[in-house]
Amino acid sequence: MSRTDRAIGIGLGLVIGLVALILFVFGGSSQNIDAPALDHSKPAGSTTVPANPK
């Protein structure tokens, strides 16, 4: 195996891994509660206030 073959293999592996990760985060995990979104117009969560502040 030559150096160029090894470099191409490593490069392709990294690219395929990053693409798979991005597809999972933005496509596959959309059913999760804290799924990432590109739309920031919605509030991220609710804020709780204590019943009896001191």
PDB file of N, CA and C in Angstrom:
ATOM      1  N   MET A   1       0.857  -1.182   0.000  1.00  0.00           N
ATOM      2  CA  MET A   1       0.000   0.000   0.000  1.00  0.00           C
ATOM      3  C   MET A   1       0.898   1.238   0.000  1.00  0.00           C
ATOM      4  N   SER A   2       0.599   2.135  -0.914  1.00  0.00           N
ATOM      5  CA  SER A   2       1.426   3.335  -1.007  1.00  0.00           C
ATOM      6  C   SER A   2       0.914   4.424  -0.064  1.00  0.00           C
ATOM      7  N   ARG A   3       1.711   5.441   0.096  1.00  0.00           N
ATOM      8  CA  ARG A   3       1.325   6.556   0.976  1.00  0.00           C
ATOM      9  C   ARG A   3       0.096   7.285   0.464  1.00  0.00           C
ATOM     10  N   THR A   4       0.000   7.428  -0.854  1.00  0.00           N
ATOM     11  CA  THR A   4      -1.165   8.140  -1.407  1.00  0.00           C
ATOM     12  C   THR A   4      -2.443   7.349  -1.186  1.00  0.00           C
ATOM     13  N   ASP A   5      -2.384   6.029  -1.309  1.00  0.00           N
ATOM     14  CA  ASP A   5      -3.569   5.204  -1.040  1.00  0.00           C
ATOM     15  C   ASP A   5      -4.002   5.348   0.422  1.00  0.00           C
ATOM     16  N   ARG A   6      -3.034   5.327   1.300  1.00  0.00           N
ATOM     17  CA  ARG A   6      -3.345   5.463   2.720  1.00  0.00           C
ATOM     18  C   ARG A   6      -3.924   6.837   3.031  1.00  0.00           C
ATOM     19  N   ALA A   7      -3.368   7.890   2.442  1.00  0.00           N
ATOM     20  CA  ALA A   7      -3.870   9.249   2.663  1.00  0.00           C
ATOM     21  C   ALA A   7      -5.291   9.405   2.105  1.00  0.00           C
ATOM     22  N   ILE A   8      -5.534   8.830   0.933  1.00  0.00           N
ATOM     23  CA  ILE A   8      -6.878   8.890   0.354  1.00  0.00           C
ATOM     24  C   ILE A   8      -7.866   8.137   1.239  1.00  0.00           C
ATOM     25  N   GLY A   9      -7.468   6.994   1.734  1.00  0.00           N
ATOM     26  CA  GLY A   9      -8.345   6.210   2.617  1.00  0.00           C
ATOM     27  C   GLY A   9      -8.671   6.944   3.904  1.00  0.00           C
ATOM     28  N   ILE A  10      -7.678   7.558   4.509  1.00  0.00           N
ATOM     29  CA  ILE A  10      -7.901   8.316   5.740  1.00  0.00           C
ATOM     30  C   ILE A  10      -8.797   9.522   5.460  1.00  0.00           C
ATOM     31  N   GLY A  11      -8.525  10.235   4.374  1.00  0.00           N
ATOM     32  CA  GLY A  11      -9.338  11.399   4.019  1.00  0.00           C
ATOM     33  C   GLY A  11     -10.783  11.020   3.749  1.00  0.00           C
ATOM     34  N   LEU A  12     -11.002   9.967   2.974  1.00  0.00           N
ATOM     35  CA  LEU A  12     -12.371   9.522   2.690  1.00  0.00           C
ATOM     36  C   LEU A  12     -13.075   9.052   3.961  1.00  0.00           C
ATOM     37  N   GLY A  13     -12.350   8.383   4.827  1.00  0.00           N
ATOM     38  CA  GLY A  13     -12.943   7.935   6.089  1.00  0.00           C
ATOM     39  C   GLY A  13     -13.396   9.101   6.952  1.00  0.00           C
ATOM     40  N   LEU A  14     -12.566  10.127   7.024  1.00  0.00           N
ATOM     41  CA  LEU A  14     -12.942  11.310   7.807  1.00  0.00           C
ATOM     42  C   LEU A  14     -14.145  12.025   7.200  1.00  0.00           C
ATOM     43  N   VAL A  15     -14.154  12.167   5.881  1.00  0.00           N
ATOM     44  CA  VAL A  15     -15.266  12.853   5.210  1.00  0.00           C
ATOM     45  C   VAL A  15     -16.563  12.067   5.397  1.00  0.00           C
ATOM     46  N   ILE A  16     -16.519  10.766   5.190  1.00  0.00           N
ATOM     47  CA  ILE A  16     -17.724   9.943   5.344  1.00  0.00           C
ATOM     48  C   ILE A  16     -18.203   9.968   6.792  1.00  0.00           C
ATOM     49  N   GLY A  17     -17.284   9.925   7.739  1.00  0.00           N
ATOM     50  CA  GLY A  17     -17.658   9.982   9.151  1.00  0.00           C
ATOM     51  C   GLY A  17     -18.310  11.305   9.519  1.00  0.00           C
ATOM     52  N   LEU A  18     -17.756  12.409   9.040  1.00  0.00           N
ATOM     53  CA  LEU A  18     -18.338  13.719   9.329  1.00  0.00           C
ATOM     54  C   LEU A  18     -19.710  13.872   8.685  1.00  0.00           C
ATOM     55  N   VAL A  19     -19.866  13.386   7.454  1.00  0.00           N
ATOM     56  CA  VAL A  19     -21.167  13.458   6.787  1.00  0.00           C
ATOM     57  C   VAL A  19     -22.193  12.633   7.547  1.00  0.00           C
ATOM     58  N   ALA A  20     -21.820  11.442   7.989  1.00  0.00           N
ATOM     59  CA  ALA A  20     -22.745  10.599   8.752  1.00  0.00           C
ATOM     60  C   ALA A  20     -23.127  11.272  10.068  1.00  0.00           C
ATOM     61  N   LEU A  21     -22.185  11.897  10.729  1.00  0.00           N
ATOM     62  CA  LEU A  21     -22.466  12.587  11.984  1.00  0.00           C
ATOM     63  C   LEU A  21     -23.409  13.759  11.765  1.00  0.00           C
ATOM     64  N   ILE A  22     -23.162  14.552  10.742  1.00  0.00           N
ATOM     65  CA  ILE A  22     -24.015  15.707  10.448  1.00  0.00           C
ATOM     66  C   ILE A  22     -25.425  15.253  10.079  1.00  0.00           C
ATOM     67  N   LEU A  23     -25.535  14.203   9.269  1.00  0.00           N
ATOM     68  CA  LEU A  23     -26.852  13.692   8.905  1.00  0.00           C
ATOM     69  C   LEU A  23     -27.605  13.183  10.124  1.00  0.00           C
ATOM     70  N   PHE A  24     -26.920  12.530  11.046  1.00  0.00           N
ATOM     71  CA  PHE A  24     -27.583  12.048  12.251  1.00  0.00           C
ATOM     72  C   PHE A  24     -28.033  13.201  13.130  1.00  0.00           C
ATOM     73  N   VAL A  25     -27.178  14.180  13.336  1.00  0.00           N
ATOM     74  CA  VAL A  25     -27.506  15.284  14.242  1.00  0.00           C
ATOM     75  C   VAL A  25     -28.659  16.120  13.702  1.00  0.00           C
ATOM     76  N   PHE A  26     -28.624  16.463  12.421  1.00  0.00           N
ATOM     77  CA  PHE A  26     -29.640  17.354  11.875  1.00  0.00           C
ATOM     78  C   PHE A  26     -30.803  16.614  11.227  1.00  0.00           C
ATOM     79  N   GLY A  27     -30.687  15.334  10.979  1.00  0.00           N
ATOM     80  CA  GLY A  27     -31.762  14.594  10.334  1.00  0.00           C
ATOM     81  C   GLY A  27     -32.319  13.475  11.186  1.00  0.00           C
ATOM     82  N   GLY A  28     -31.452  12.656  11.738  1.00  0.00           N
ATOM     83  CA  GLY A  28     -31.902  11.471  12.461  1.00  0.00           C
ATOM     84  C   GLY A  28     -32.385  11.720  13.865  1.00  0.00           C
ATOM     85  N   SER A  29     -31.943  12.793  14.505  1.00  0.00           N
ATOM     86  CA  SER A  29     -32.318  13.022  15.895  1.00  0.00           C
ATOM     87  C   SER A  29     -33.401  14.086  16.030  1.00  0.00           C
ATOM     88  N   SER A  30     -34.199  14.289  14.987  1.00  0.00           N
ATOM     89  CA  SER A  30     -35.225  15.341  15.049  1.00  0.00           C
ATOM     90  C   SER A  30     -36.370  14.984  15.987  1.00  0.00           C
ATOM     91  N   GLN A  31     -36.481  13.732  16.387  1.00  0.00           N
ATOM     92  CA  GLN A  31     -37.542  13.315  17.296  1.00  0.00           C
ATOM     93  C   GLN A  31     -37.153  13.484  18.765  1.00  0.00           C
ATOM     94  N   ASN A  32     -35.918  13.830  19.041  1.00  0.00           N
ATOM     95  CA  ASN A  32     -35.459  14.004  20.420  1.00  0.00           C
ATOM     96  C   ASN A  32     -35.954  15.323  20.997  1.00  0.00           C
ATOM     97  N   ILE A  33     -35.971  15.427  22.313  1.00  0.00           N
ATOM     98  CA  ILE A  33     -36.451  16.633  22.982  1.00  0.00           C
ATOM     99  C   ILE A  33     -35.545  17.815  22.688  1.00  0.00           C
ATOM    100  N   ASP A  34     -34.249  17.605  22.764  1.00  0.00           N
ATOM    101  CA  ASP A  34     -33.310  18.706  22.590  1.00  0.00           C
ATOM    102  C   ASP A  34     -32.617  18.639  21.231  1.00  0.00           C
ATOM    103  N   ALA A  35     -33.387  18.384  20.194  1.00  0.00           N
ATOM    104  CA  ALA A  35     -32.830  18.305  18.854  1.00  0.00           C
ATOM    105  C   ALA A  35     -32.326  19.675  18.411  1.00  0.00           C
ATOM    106  N   PRO A  36     -31.179  19.728  17.757  1.00  0.00           N
ATOM    107  CA  PRO A  36     -30.668  21.016  17.297  1.00  0.00           C
ATOM    108  C   PRO A  36     -31.538  21.570  16.176  1.00  0.00           C
ATOM    109  N   ALA A  37     -31.629  22.873  16.123  1.00  0.00           N
ATOM    110  CA  ALA A  37     -32.436  23.515  15.087  1.00  0.00           C
ATOM    111  C   ALA A  37     -31.690  24.729  14.553  1.00  0.00           C
ATOM    112  N   LEU A  38     -31.899  25.009  13.288  1.00  0.00           N
ATOM    113  CA  LEU A  38     -31.298  26.191  12.697  1.00  0.00           C
ATOM    114  C   LEU A  38     -32.192  27.406  12.876  1.00  0.00           C
ATOM    115  N   ASP A  39     -33.439  27.196  13.293  1.00  0.00           N
ATOM    116  CA  ASP A  39     -34.399  28.272  13.516  1.00  0.00           C
ATOM    117  C   ASP A  39     -34.326  28.672  14.991  1.00  0.00           C
ATOM    118  N   HIS A  40     -33.857  29.880  15.266  1.00  0.00           N
ATOM    119  CA  HIS A  40     -33.691  30.327  16.651  1.00  0.00           C
ATOM    120  C   HIS A  40     -34.854  31.184  17.129  1.00  0.00           C
ATOM    121  N   SER A  41     -35.982  31.171  16.427  1.00  0.00           N
ATOM    122  CA  SER A  41     -37.100  32.016  16.826  1.00  0.00           C
ATOM    123  C   SER A  41     -37.888  31.420  17.978  1.00  0.00           C
ATOM    124  N   LYS A  42     -37.767  30.115  18.195  1.00  0.00           N
ATOM    125  CA  LYS A  42     -38.479  29.459  19.283  1.00  0.00           C
ATOM    126  C   LYS A  42     -37.618  29.477  20.544  1.00  0.00           C
ATOM    127  N   PRO A  43     -38.223  29.621  21.728  1.00  0.00           N
ATOM    128  CA  PRO A  43     -37.433  29.556  22.959  1.00  0.00           C
ATOM    129  C   PRO A  43     -36.913  28.137  23.185  1.00  0.00           C
ATOM    130  N   ALA A  44     -35.728  28.043  23.758  1.00  0.00           N
ATOM    131  CA  ALA A  44     -35.090  26.751  23.952  1.00  0.00           C
ATOM    132  C   ALA A  44     -35.751  25.941  25.054  1.00  0.00           C
ATOM    133  N   GLY A  45     -36.284  26.590  26.071  1.00  0.00           N
ATOM    134  CA  GLY A  45     -36.893  25.871  27.177  1.00  0.00           C
ATOM    135  C   GLY A  45     -37.658  26.824  28.055  1.00  0.00           C
ATOM    136  N   SER A  46     -38.192  26.279  29.113  1.00  0.00           N
ATOM    137  CA  SER A  46     -38.958  27.127  30.026  1.00  0.00           C
ATOM    138  C   SER A  46     -38.105  27.440  31.258  1.00  0.00           C
ATOM    139  N   THR A  47     -38.440  28.548  31.891  1.00  0.00           N
ATOM    140  CA  THR A  47     -37.744  28.975  33.087  1.00  0.00           C
ATOM    141  C   THR A  47     -38.678  28.779  34.274  1.00  0.00           C
ATOM    142  N   THR A  48     -38.173  28.162  35.314  1.00  0.00           N
ATOM    143  CA  THR A  48     -38.999  27.952  36.502  1.00  0.00           C
ATOM    144  C   THR A  48     -38.685  29.032  37.540  1.00  0.00           C
ATOM    145  N   VAL A  49     -39.715  29.450  38.246  1.00  0.00           N
ATOM    146  CA  VAL A  49     -39.576  30.452  39.294  1.00  0.00           C
ATOM    147  C   VAL A  49     -39.976  29.793  40.609  1.00  0.00           C
ATOM    148  N   PRO A  50     -39.171  29.952  41.661  1.00  0.00           N
ATOM    149  CA  PRO A  50     -39.535  29.338  42.944  1.00  0.00           C
ATOM    150  C   PRO A  50     -40.851  29.923  43.482  1.00  0.00           C
ATOM    151  N   ALA A  51     -41.607  29.074  44.183  1.00  0.00           N
ATOM    152  CA  ALA A  51     -42.921  29.489  44.704  1.00  0.00           C
ATOM    153  C   ALA A  51     -42.767  30.537  45.812  1.00  0.00           C
ATOM    154  N   ASN A  52     -41.819  30.373  46.687  1.00  0.00           N
ATOM    155  CA  ASN A  52     -41.613  31.296  47.813  1.00  0.00           C
ATOM    156  C   ASN A  52     -40.183  31.834  47.778  1.00  0.00           C
ATOM    157  N   PRO A  53     -39.909  32.854  46.977  1.00  0.00           N
ATOM    158  CA  PRO A  53     -38.542  33.406  46.964  1.00  0.00           C
ATOM    159  C   PRO A  53     -38.235  34.133  48.284  1.00  0.00           C
ATOM    160  N   LYS A  54     -37.037  33.980  48.760  1.00  0.00           N
ATOM    161  CA  LYS A  54     -36.660  34.606  50.033  1.00  0.00           C
ATOM    162  C   LYS A  54     -35.699  35.741  49.795  1.00  0.00           C
TER     163      LYS A  54
END
